[in-house]
Amino acid sequence: MMSCCLPQDATDDFEDVGHSSSARAMMDEFYVGDIDTSAIPSKRKYTPPKQPHYEQDKTSEFVIKLLQFLVPLLILGLAFGVRSYTKTPASS
């Protein structure tokens, strides 16, 4: 398993995949050099960017989702209301 922060030799991984001869020729063509490990800092500290507190009920996304739920229900209720109002009573 390769570490995310430390440079490692990828030769074994390259060989395990079974690259073609054209891939090997490309490796010779694009080889830049070895990494100077003394120039890499030993510890890196990641600080995530500050984000404002998310308040769901104050966003327009919440209103849109609420309308996507309520509008079809209102249309369905209106359709049943119109149908029951315009329905003729069955004669016996």
PDB file of N, CA and C in Angstrom:
ATOM      1  N   MET A   1       0.849  -1.162   0.000  1.00  0.00           N
ATOM      2  CA  MET A   1       0.000   0.000   0.000  1.00  0.00           C
ATOM      3  C   MET A   1       0.897   1.228   0.000  1.00  0.00           C
ATOM      4  N   MET A   2       0.572   2.202  -0.850  1.00  0.00           N
ATOM      5  CA  MET A   2       1.397   3.395  -0.960  1.00  0.00           C
ATOM      6  C   MET A   2       0.883   4.464  -0.012  1.00  0.00           C
ATOM      7  N   SER A   3       1.802   5.185   0.564  1.00  0.00           N
ATOM      8  CA  SER A   3       1.455   6.267   1.472  1.00  0.00           C
ATOM      9  C   SER A   3       1.093   7.505   0.664  1.00  0.00           C
ATOM     10  N   CYS A   4       0.226   8.323   1.200  1.00  0.00           N
ATOM     11  CA  CYS A   4      -0.232   9.501   0.462  1.00  0.00           C
ATOM     12  C   CYS A   4       0.782  10.627   0.477  1.00  0.00           C
ATOM     13  N   CYS A   5       1.649  10.679   1.436  1.00  0.00           N
ATOM     14  CA  CYS A   5       2.509  11.851   1.589  1.00  0.00           C
ATOM     15  C   CYS A   5       3.972  11.575   1.286  1.00  0.00           C
ATOM     16  N   LEU A   6       4.430  10.367   1.401  1.00  0.00           N
ATOM     17  CA  LEU A   6       5.840  10.055   1.207  1.00  0.00           C
ATOM     18  C   LEU A   6       6.073   9.529  -0.195  1.00  0.00           C
ATOM     19  N   PRO A   7       7.146   9.978  -0.863  1.00  0.00           N
ATOM     20  CA  PRO A   7       7.433   9.455  -2.196  1.00  0.00           C
ATOM     21  C   PRO A   7       7.935   8.010  -2.088  1.00  0.00           C
ATOM     22  N   GLN A   8       7.497   7.197  -3.014  1.00  0.00           N
ATOM     23  CA  GLN A   8       7.926   5.807  -3.022  1.00  0.00           C
ATOM     24  C   GLN A   8       8.220   5.386  -4.445  1.00  0.00           C
ATOM     25  N   ASP A   9       8.977   4.336  -4.572  1.00  0.00           N
ATOM     26  CA  ASP A   9       9.304   3.788  -5.873  1.00  0.00           C
ATOM     27  C   ASP A   9       8.101   3.009  -6.388  1.00  0.00           C
ATOM     28  N   ALA A  10       7.666   3.311  -7.596  1.00  0.00           N
ATOM     29  CA  ALA A  10       6.496   2.660  -8.180  1.00  0.00           C
ATOM     30  C   ALA A  10       6.889   1.588  -9.187  1.00  0.00           C
ATOM     31  N   THR A  11       8.128   1.162  -9.171  1.00  0.00           N
ATOM     32  CA  THR A  11       8.589   0.169 -10.134  1.00  0.00           C
ATOM     33  C   THR A  11       7.834  -1.139  -9.985  1.00  0.00           C
ATOM     34  N   ASP A  12       7.655  -1.611  -8.754  1.00  0.00           N
ATOM     35  CA  ASP A  12       6.941  -2.880  -8.543  1.00  0.00           C
ATOM     36  C   ASP A  12       5.499  -2.792  -9.030  1.00  0.00           C
ATOM     37  N   ASP A  13       4.847  -1.676  -8.764  1.00  0.00           N
ATOM     38  CA  ASP A  13       3.475  -1.501  -9.243  1.00  0.00           C
ATOM     39  C   ASP A  13       3.427  -1.458 -10.761  1.00  0.00           C
ATOM     40  N   PHE A  14       4.403  -0.825 -11.383  1.00  0.00           N
ATOM     41  CA  PHE A  14       4.474  -0.753 -12.835  1.00  0.00           C
ATOM     42  C   PHE A  14       4.655  -2.151 -13.423  1.00  0.00           C
ATOM     43  N   GLU A  15       5.514  -2.931 -12.808  1.00  0.00           N
ATOM     44  CA  GLU A  15       5.781  -4.282 -13.305  1.00  0.00           C
ATOM     45  C   GLU A  15       4.596  -5.212 -13.080  1.00  0.00           C
ATOM     46  N   ASP A  16       3.879  -5.062 -11.972  1.00  0.00           N
ATOM     47  CA  ASP A  16       2.738  -5.926 -11.667  1.00  0.00           C
ATOM     48  C   ASP A  16       1.612  -5.791 -12.683  1.00  0.00           C
ATOM     49  N   VAL A  17       1.447  -4.614 -13.232  1.00  0.00           N
ATOM     50  CA  VAL A  17       0.349  -4.379 -14.169  1.00  0.00           C
ATOM     51  C   VAL A  17       0.612  -5.075 -15.492  1.00  0.00           C
ATOM     52  N   GLY A  18       1.851  -5.195 -15.874  1.00  0.00           N
ATOM     53  CA  GLY A  18       2.188  -5.857 -17.138  1.00  0.00           C
ATOM     54  C   GLY A  18       2.078  -4.905 -18.312  1.00  0.00           C
ATOM     55  N   HIS A  19       2.787  -3.796 -18.256  1.00  0.00           N
ATOM     56  CA  HIS A  19       2.716  -2.801 -19.313  1.00  0.00           C
ATOM     57  C   HIS A  19       3.338  -3.316 -20.607  1.00  0.00           C
ATOM     58  N   SER A  20       2.886  -2.752 -21.709  1.00  0.00           N
ATOM     59  CA  SER A  20       3.378  -3.150 -23.028  1.00  0.00           C
ATOM     60  C   SER A  20       4.746  -2.536 -23.295  1.00  0.00           C
ATOM     61  N   SER A  21       5.333  -2.952 -24.401  1.00  0.00           N
ATOM     62  CA  SER A  21       6.649  -2.415 -24.759  1.00  0.00           C
ATOM     63  C   SER A  21       6.554  -0.938 -25.127  1.00  0.00           C
ATOM     64  N   SER A  22       5.416  -0.514 -25.663  1.00  0.00           N
ATOM     65  CA  SER A  22       5.269   0.913 -25.986  1.00  0.00           C
ATOM     66  C   SER A  22       5.186   1.738 -24.703  1.00  0.00           C
ATOM     67  N   ALA A  23       4.592   1.183 -23.647  1.00  0.00           N
ATOM     68  CA  ALA A  23       4.555   1.888 -22.362  1.00  0.00           C
ATOM     69  C   ALA A  23       5.950   1.991 -21.777  1.00  0.00           C
ATOM     70  N   ARG A  24       6.733   0.944 -21.945  1.00  0.00           N
ATOM     71  CA  ARG A  24       8.113   0.987 -21.443  1.00  0.00           C
ATOM     72  C   ARG A  24       8.933   2.021 -22.214  1.00  0.00           C
ATOM     73  N   ALA A  25       8.689   2.139 -23.522  1.00  0.00           N
ATOM     74  CA  ALA A  25       9.398   3.150 -24.320  1.00  0.00           C
ATOM     75  C   ALA A  25       8.982   4.554 -23.883  1.00  0.00           C
ATOM     76  N   MET A  26       7.710   4.722 -23.558  1.00  0.00           N
ATOM     77  CA  MET A  26       7.243   6.025 -23.078  1.00  0.00           C
ATOM     78  C   MET A  26       7.877   6.360 -21.733  1.00  0.00           C
ATOM     79  N   MET A  27       8.080   5.349 -20.882  1.00  0.00           N
ATOM     80  CA  MET A  27       8.706   5.587 -19.591  1.00  0.00           C
ATOM     81  C   MET A  27      10.129   6.122 -19.784  1.00  0.00           C
ATOM     82  N   ASP A  28      10.851   5.560 -20.739  1.00  0.00           N
ATOM     83  CA  ASP A  28      12.203   6.044 -21.007  1.00  0.00           C
ATOM     84  C   ASP A  28      12.181   7.459 -21.569  1.00  0.00           C
ATOM     85  N   GLU A  29      11.175   7.752 -22.385  1.00  0.00           N
ATOM     86  CA  GLU A  29      11.081   9.065 -23.020  1.00  0.00           C
ATOM     87  C   GLU A  29      10.695  10.162 -22.018  1.00  0.00           C
ATOM     88  N   PHE A  30       9.781   9.858 -21.092  1.00  0.00           N
ATOM     89  CA  PHE A  30       9.253  10.879 -20.194  1.00  0.00           C
ATOM     90  C   PHE A  30       9.855  10.846 -18.790  1.00  0.00           C
ATOM     91  N   TYR A  31      10.873  10.043 -18.570  1.00  0.00           N
ATOM     92  CA  TYR A  31      11.505   9.979 -17.253  1.00  0.00           C
ATOM     93  C   TYR A  31      12.180  11.304 -16.945  1.00  0.00           C
ATOM     94  N   VAL A  32      11.822  11.910 -15.822  1.00  0.00           N
ATOM     95  CA  VAL A  32      12.351  13.222 -15.459  1.00  0.00           C
ATOM     96  C   VAL A  32      13.533  13.091 -14.527  1.00  0.00           C
ATOM     97  N   GLY A  33      13.411  12.268 -13.515  1.00  0.00           N
ATOM     98  CA  GLY A  33      14.505  12.100 -12.577  1.00  0.00           C
ATOM     99  C   GLY A  33      14.007  11.576 -11.255  1.00  0.00           C
ATOM    100  N   ASP A  34      14.907  11.462 -10.295  1.00  0.00           N
ATOM    101  CA  ASP A  34      14.559  10.983  -8.969  1.00  0.00           C
ATOM    102  C   ASP A  34      14.165  12.157  -8.082  1.00  0.00           C
ATOM    103  N   ILE A  35      13.363  11.873  -7.075  1.00  0.00           N
ATOM    104  CA  ILE A  35      12.911  12.890  -6.137  1.00  0.00           C
ATOM    105  C   ILE A  35      13.936  13.047  -5.033  1.00  0.00           C
ATOM    106  N   ASP A  36      14.270  14.291  -4.720  1.00  0.00           N
ATOM    107  CA  ASP A  36      15.167  14.590  -3.611  1.00  0.00           C
ATOM    108  C   ASP A  36      14.335  14.562  -2.335  1.00  0.00           C
ATOM    109  N   THR A  37      14.429  13.476  -1.581  1.00  0.00           N
ATOM    110  CA  THR A  37      13.593  13.307  -0.392  1.00  0.00           C
ATOM    111  C   THR A  37      13.957  14.269   0.729  1.00  0.00           C
ATOM    112  N   SER A  38      15.126  14.861   0.690  1.00  0.00           N
ATOM    113  CA  SER A  38      15.496  15.803   1.741  1.00  0.00           C
ATOM    114  C   SER A  38      14.753  17.134   1.597  1.00  0.00           C
ATOM    115  N   ALA A  39      14.203  17.407   0.409  1.00  0.00           N
ATOM    116  CA  ALA A  39      13.493  18.661   0.180  1.00  0.00           C
ATOM    117  C   ALA A  39      12.017  18.578   0.559  1.00  0.00           C
ATOM    118  N   ILE A  40      11.543  17.390   0.874  1.00  0.00           N
ATOM    119  CA  ILE A  40      10.128  17.202   1.210  1.00  0.00           C
ATOM    120  C   ILE A  40       9.949  17.379   2.706  1.00  0.00           C
ATOM    121  N   PRO A  41       9.013  18.244   3.136  1.00  0.00           N
ATOM    122  CA  PRO A  41       8.784  18.388   4.577  1.00  0.00           C
ATOM    123  C   PRO A  41       8.254  17.088   5.168  1.00  0.00           C
ATOM    124  N   SER A  42       8.676  16.784   6.391  1.00  0.00           N
ATOM    125  CA  SER A  42       8.289  15.513   6.997  1.00  0.00           C
ATOM    126  C   SER A  42       6.837  15.500   7.453  1.00  0.00           C
ATOM    127  N   LYS A  43       6.309  16.637   7.878  1.00  0.00           N
ATOM    128  CA  LYS A  43       4.930  16.691   8.344  1.00  0.00           C
ATOM    129  C   LYS A  43       4.198  17.812   7.633  1.00  0.00           C
ATOM    130  N   ARG A  44       2.998  17.491   7.165  1.00  0.00           N
ATOM    131  CA  ARG A  44       2.178  18.494   6.514  1.00  0.00           C
ATOM    132  C   ARG A  44       0.901  18.646   7.320  1.00  0.00           C
ATOM    133  N   LYS A  45       0.505  19.864   7.538  1.00  0.00           N
ATOM    134  CA  LYS A  45      -0.704  20.117   8.301  1.00  0.00           C
ATOM    135  C   LYS A  45      -1.759  20.693   7.362  1.00  0.00           C
ATOM    136  N   TYR A  46      -2.908  20.040   7.329  1.00  0.00           N
ATOM    137  CA  TYR A  46      -4.013  20.493   6.494  1.00  0.00           C
ATOM    138  C   TYR A  46      -5.046  21.182   7.361  1.00  0.00           C
ATOM    139  N   THR A  47      -5.387  22.402   7.000  1.00  0.00           N
ATOM    140  CA  THR A  47      -6.457  23.109   7.693  1.00  0.00           C
ATOM    141  C   THR A  47      -7.576  23.349   6.691  1.00  0.00           C
ATOM    142  N   PRO A  48      -8.753  22.792   6.940  1.00  0.00           N
ATOM    143  CA  PRO A  48      -9.855  22.974   5.995  1.00  0.00           C
ATOM    144  C   PRO A  48     -10.316  24.430   5.974  1.00  0.00           C
ATOM    145  N   PRO A  49     -10.815  24.892   4.834  1.00  0.00           N
ATOM    146  CA  PRO A  49     -11.270  26.273   4.753  1.00  0.00           C
ATOM    147  C   PRO A  49     -12.507  26.486   5.623  1.00  0.00           C
ATOM    148  N   LYS A  50     -12.627  27.684   6.150  1.00  0.00           N
ATOM    149  CA  LYS A  50     -13.782  28.021   6.981  1.00  0.00           C
ATOM    150  C   LYS A  50     -15.013  28.165   6.101  1.00  0.00           C
ATOM    151  N   GLN A  51     -16.092  27.537   6.525  1.00  0.00           N
ATOM    152  CA  GLN A  51     -17.351  27.637   5.798  1.00  0.00           C
ATOM    153  C   GLN A  51     -18.414  28.171   6.739  1.00  0.00           C
ATOM    154  N   PRO A  52     -19.325  28.972   6.215  1.00  0.00           N
ATOM    155  CA  PRO A  52     -20.377  29.490   7.083  1.00  0.00           C
ATOM    156  C   PRO A  52     -21.295  28.369   7.551  1.00  0.00           C
ATOM    157  N   HIS A  53     -21.906  28.587   8.704  1.00  0.00           N
ATOM    158  CA  HIS A  53     -22.824  27.601   9.262  1.00  0.00           C
ATOM    159  C   HIS A  53     -24.031  27.457   8.339  1.00  0.00           C
ATOM    160  N   TYR A  54     -24.386  26.231   8.022  1.00  0.00           N
ATOM    161  CA  TYR A  54     -25.484  25.957   7.100  1.00  0.00           C
ATOM    162  C   TYR A  54     -26.793  25.904   7.870  1.00  0.00           C
ATOM    163  N   GLU A  55     -27.709  26.793   7.506  1.00  0.00           N
ATOM    164  CA  GLU A  55     -29.034  26.792   8.106  1.00  0.00           C
ATOM    165  C   GLU A  55     -30.033  26.437   7.025  1.00  0.00           C
ATOM    166  N   GLN A  56     -30.579  25.237   7.106  1.00  0.00           N
ATOM    167  CA  GLN A  56     -31.405  24.710   6.034  1.00  0.00           C
ATOM    168  C   GLN A  56     -32.681  25.508   5.837  1.00  0.00           C
ATOM    169  N   ASP A  57     -33.334  25.943   6.911  1.00  0.00           N
ATOM    170  CA  ASP A  57     -34.621  26.594   6.754  1.00  0.00           C
ATOM    171  C   ASP A  57     -34.517  28.016   6.219  1.00  0.00           C
ATOM    172  N   LYS A  58     -33.332  28.562   6.080  1.00  0.00           N
ATOM    173  CA  LYS A  58     -33.174  29.920   5.580  1.00  0.00           C
ATOM    174  C   LYS A  58     -32.633  29.953   4.153  1.00  0.00           C
ATOM    175  N   THR A  59     -32.528  28.842   3.502  1.00  0.00           N
ATOM    176  CA  THR A  59     -31.976  28.817   2.154  1.00  0.00           C
ATOM    177  C   THR A  59     -33.078  28.674   1.130  1.00  0.00           C
ATOM    178  N   SER A  60     -32.785  29.110  -0.085  1.00  0.00           N
ATOM    179  CA  SER A  60     -33.768  28.981  -1.156  1.00  0.00           C
ATOM    180  C   SER A  60     -33.912  27.520  -1.578  1.00  0.00           C
ATOM    181  N   GLU A  61     -32.897  26.704  -1.350  1.00  0.00           N
ATOM    182  CA  GLU A  61     -32.997  25.279  -1.684  1.00  0.00           C
ATOM    183  C   GLU A  61     -34.102  24.615  -0.880  1.00  0.00           C
ATOM    184  N   PHE A  62     -34.228  25.000   0.386  1.00  0.00           N
ATOM    185  CA  PHE A  62     -35.273  24.428   1.232  1.00  0.00           C
ATOM    186  C   PHE A  62     -36.653  24.804   0.700  1.00  0.00           C
ATOM    187  N   VAL A  63     -36.815  26.047   0.281  1.00  0.00           N
ATOM    188  CA  VAL A  63     -38.099  26.502  -0.251  1.00  0.00           C
ATOM    189  C   VAL A  63     -38.431  25.748  -1.532  1.00  0.00           C
ATOM    190  N   ILE A  64     -37.447  25.559  -2.385  1.00  0.00           N
ATOM    191  CA  ILE A  64     -37.674  24.842  -3.642  1.00  0.00           C
ATOM    192  C   ILE A  64     -38.079  23.398  -3.364  1.00  0.00           C
ATOM    193  N   LYS A  65     -37.392  22.736  -2.444  1.00  0.00           N
ATOM    194  CA  LYS A  65     -37.742  21.348  -2.124  1.00  0.00           C
ATOM    195  C   LYS A  65     -39.124  21.262  -1.507  1.00  0.00           C
ATOM    196  N   LEU A  66     -39.486  22.240  -0.699  1.00  0.00           N
ATOM    197  CA  LEU A  66     -40.813  22.256  -0.091  1.00  0.00           C
ATOM    198  C   LEU A  66     -41.883  22.440  -1.158  1.00  0.00           C
ATOM    199  N   LEU A  67     -41.628  23.333  -2.103  1.00  0.00           N
ATOM    200  CA  LEU A  67     -42.588  23.541  -3.191  1.00  0.00           C
ATOM    201  C   LEU A  67     -42.693  22.321  -4.095  1.00  0.00           C
ATOM    202  N   GLN A  68     -41.592  21.626  -4.321  1.00  0.00           N
ATOM    203  CA  GLN A  68     -41.634  20.415  -5.140  1.00  0.00           C
ATOM    204  C   GLN A  68     -42.489  19.341  -4.482  1.00  0.00           C
ATOM    205  N   PHE A  69     -42.636  19.398  -3.188  1.00  0.00           N
ATOM    206  CA  PHE A  69     -43.466  18.435  -2.482  1.00  0.00           C
ATOM    207  C   PHE A  69     -44.925  18.901  -2.417  1.00  0.00           C
ATOM    208  N   LEU A  70     -45.137  20.187  -2.151  1.00  0.00           N
ATOM    209  CA  LEU A  70     -46.488  20.686  -1.929  1.00  0.00           C
ATOM    210  C   LEU A  70     -47.288  20.942  -3.201  1.00  0.00           C
ATOM    211  N   VAL A  71     -46.664  21.426  -4.251  1.00  0.00           N
ATOM    212  CA  VAL A  71     -47.393  21.757  -5.479  1.00  0.00           C
ATOM    213  C   VAL A  71     -48.089  20.535  -6.083  1.00  0.00           C
ATOM    214  N   PRO A  72     -47.450  19.383  -6.217  1.00  0.00           N
ATOM    215  CA  PRO A  72     -48.186  18.218  -6.739  1.00  0.00           C
ATOM    216  C   PRO A  72     -49.356  17.819  -5.839  1.00  0.00           C
ATOM    217  N   LEU A  73     -49.180  17.945  -4.521  1.00  0.00           N
ATOM    218  CA  LEU A  73     -50.296  17.617  -3.625  1.00  0.00           C
ATOM    219  C   LEU A  73     -51.460  18.588  -3.820  1.00  0.00           C
ATOM    220  N   LEU A  74     -51.159  19.854  -4.008  1.00  0.00           N
ATOM    221  CA  LEU A  74     -52.216  20.834  -4.248  1.00  0.00           C
ATOM    222  C   LEU A  74     -52.936  20.569  -5.575  1.00  0.00           C
ATOM    223  N   ILE A  75     -52.189  20.204  -6.606  1.00  0.00           N
ATOM    224  CA  ILE A  75     -52.802  19.885  -7.902  1.00  0.00           C
ATOM    225  C   ILE A  75     -53.695  18.661  -7.778  1.00  0.00           C
ATOM    226  N   LEU A  76     -53.230  17.660  -7.066  1.00  0.00           N
ATOM    227  CA  LEU A  76     -54.029  16.450  -6.873  1.00  0.00           C
ATOM    228  C   LEU A  76     -55.301  16.765  -6.081  1.00  0.00           C
ATOM    229  N   GLY A  77     -55.181  17.556  -5.046  1.00  0.00           N
ATOM    230  CA  GLY A  77     -56.358  17.947  -4.264  1.00  0.00           C
ATOM    231  C   GLY A  77     -57.341  18.746  -5.089  1.00  0.00           C
ATOM    232  N   LEU A  78     -56.827  19.656  -5.916  1.00  0.00           N
ATOM    233  CA  LEU A  78     -57.696  20.435  -6.795  1.00  0.00           C
ATOM    234  C   LEU A  78     -58.414  19.542  -7.801  1.00  0.00           C
ATOM    235  N   ALA A  79     -57.704  18.561  -8.349  1.00  0.00           N
ATOM    236  CA  ALA A  79     -58.318  17.640  -9.320  1.00  0.00           C
ATOM    237  C   ALA A  79     -59.443  16.846  -8.665  1.00  0.00           C
ATOM    238  N   PHE A  80     -59.241  16.338  -7.449  1.00  0.00           N
ATOM    239  CA  PHE A  80     -60.303  15.605  -6.754  1.00  0.00           C
ATOM    240  C   PHE A  80     -61.467  16.521  -6.415  1.00  0.00           C
ATOM    241  N   GLY A  81     -61.169  17.754  -6.024  1.00  0.00           N
ATOM    242  CA  GLY A  81     -62.240  18.704  -5.709  1.00  0.00           C
ATOM    243  C   GLY A  81     -63.089  19.031  -6.919  1.00  0.00           C
ATOM    244  N   VAL A  82     -62.449  19.270  -8.059  1.00  0.00           N
ATOM    245  CA  VAL A  82     -63.190  19.566  -9.287  1.00  0.00           C
ATOM    246  C   VAL A  82     -64.001  18.360  -9.713  1.00  0.00           C
ATOM    247  N   ARG A  83     -63.435  17.196  -9.587  1.00  0.00           N
ATOM    248  CA  ARG A  83     -64.158  15.976  -9.996  1.00  0.00           C
ATOM    249  C   ARG A  83     -65.384  15.740  -9.124  1.00  0.00           C
ATOM    250  N   SER A  84     -65.233  15.901  -7.822  1.00  0.00           N
ATOM    251  CA  SER A  84     -66.376  15.663  -6.942  1.00  0.00           C
ATOM    252  C   SER A  84     -67.436  16.752  -7.100  1.00  0.00           C
ATOM    253  N   TYR A  85     -67.036  17.951  -7.456  1.00  0.00           N
ATOM    254  CA  TYR A  85     -67.991  19.035  -7.624  1.00  0.00           C
ATOM    255  C   TYR A  85     -68.766  18.893  -8.929  1.00  0.00           C
ATOM    256  N   THR A  86     -68.091  18.438  -9.980  1.00  0.00           N
ATOM    257  CA  THR A  86     -68.746  18.331 -11.290  1.00  0.00           C
ATOM    258  C   THR A  86     -69.389  16.983 -11.527  1.00  0.00           C
ATOM    259  N   LYS A  87     -69.249  16.069 -10.631  1.00  0.00           N
ATOM    260  CA  LYS A  87     -69.814  14.730 -10.802  1.00  0.00           C
ATOM    261  C   LYS A  87     -71.332  14.801 -10.654  1.00  0.00           C
ATOM    262  N   THR A  88     -72.020  14.189 -11.584  1.00  0.00           N
ATOM    263  CA  THR A  88     -73.490  14.179 -11.512  1.00  0.00           C
ATOM    264  C   THR A  88     -73.921  13.051 -10.590  1.00  0.00           C
ATOM    265  N   PRO A  89     -74.931  13.285  -9.778  1.00  0.00           N
ATOM    266  CA  PRO A  89     -75.400  12.219  -8.895  1.00  0.00           C
ATOM    267  C   PRO A  89     -76.014  11.068  -9.688  1.00  0.00           C
ATOM    268  N   ALA A  90     -75.771   9.868  -9.230  1.00  0.00           N
ATOM    269  CA  ALA A  90     -76.306   8.672  -9.908  1.00  0.00           C
ATOM    270  C   ALA A  90     -77.797   8.583  -9.629  1.00  0.00           C
ATOM    271  N   SER A  91     -78.582   8.351 -10.689  1.00  0.00           N
ATOM    272  CA  SER A  91     -80.030   8.225 -10.498  1.00  0.00           C
ATOM    273  C   SER A  91     -80.391   6.796 -10.198  1.00  0.00           C
ATOM    274  N   SER A  92     -81.365   6.629  -9.295  1.00  0.00           N
ATOM    275  CA  SER A  92     -81.776   5.285  -8.892  1.00  0.00           C
ATOM    276  C   SER A  92     -83.030   4.881  -9.582  1.00  0.00           C
TER     277      SER A  92
END
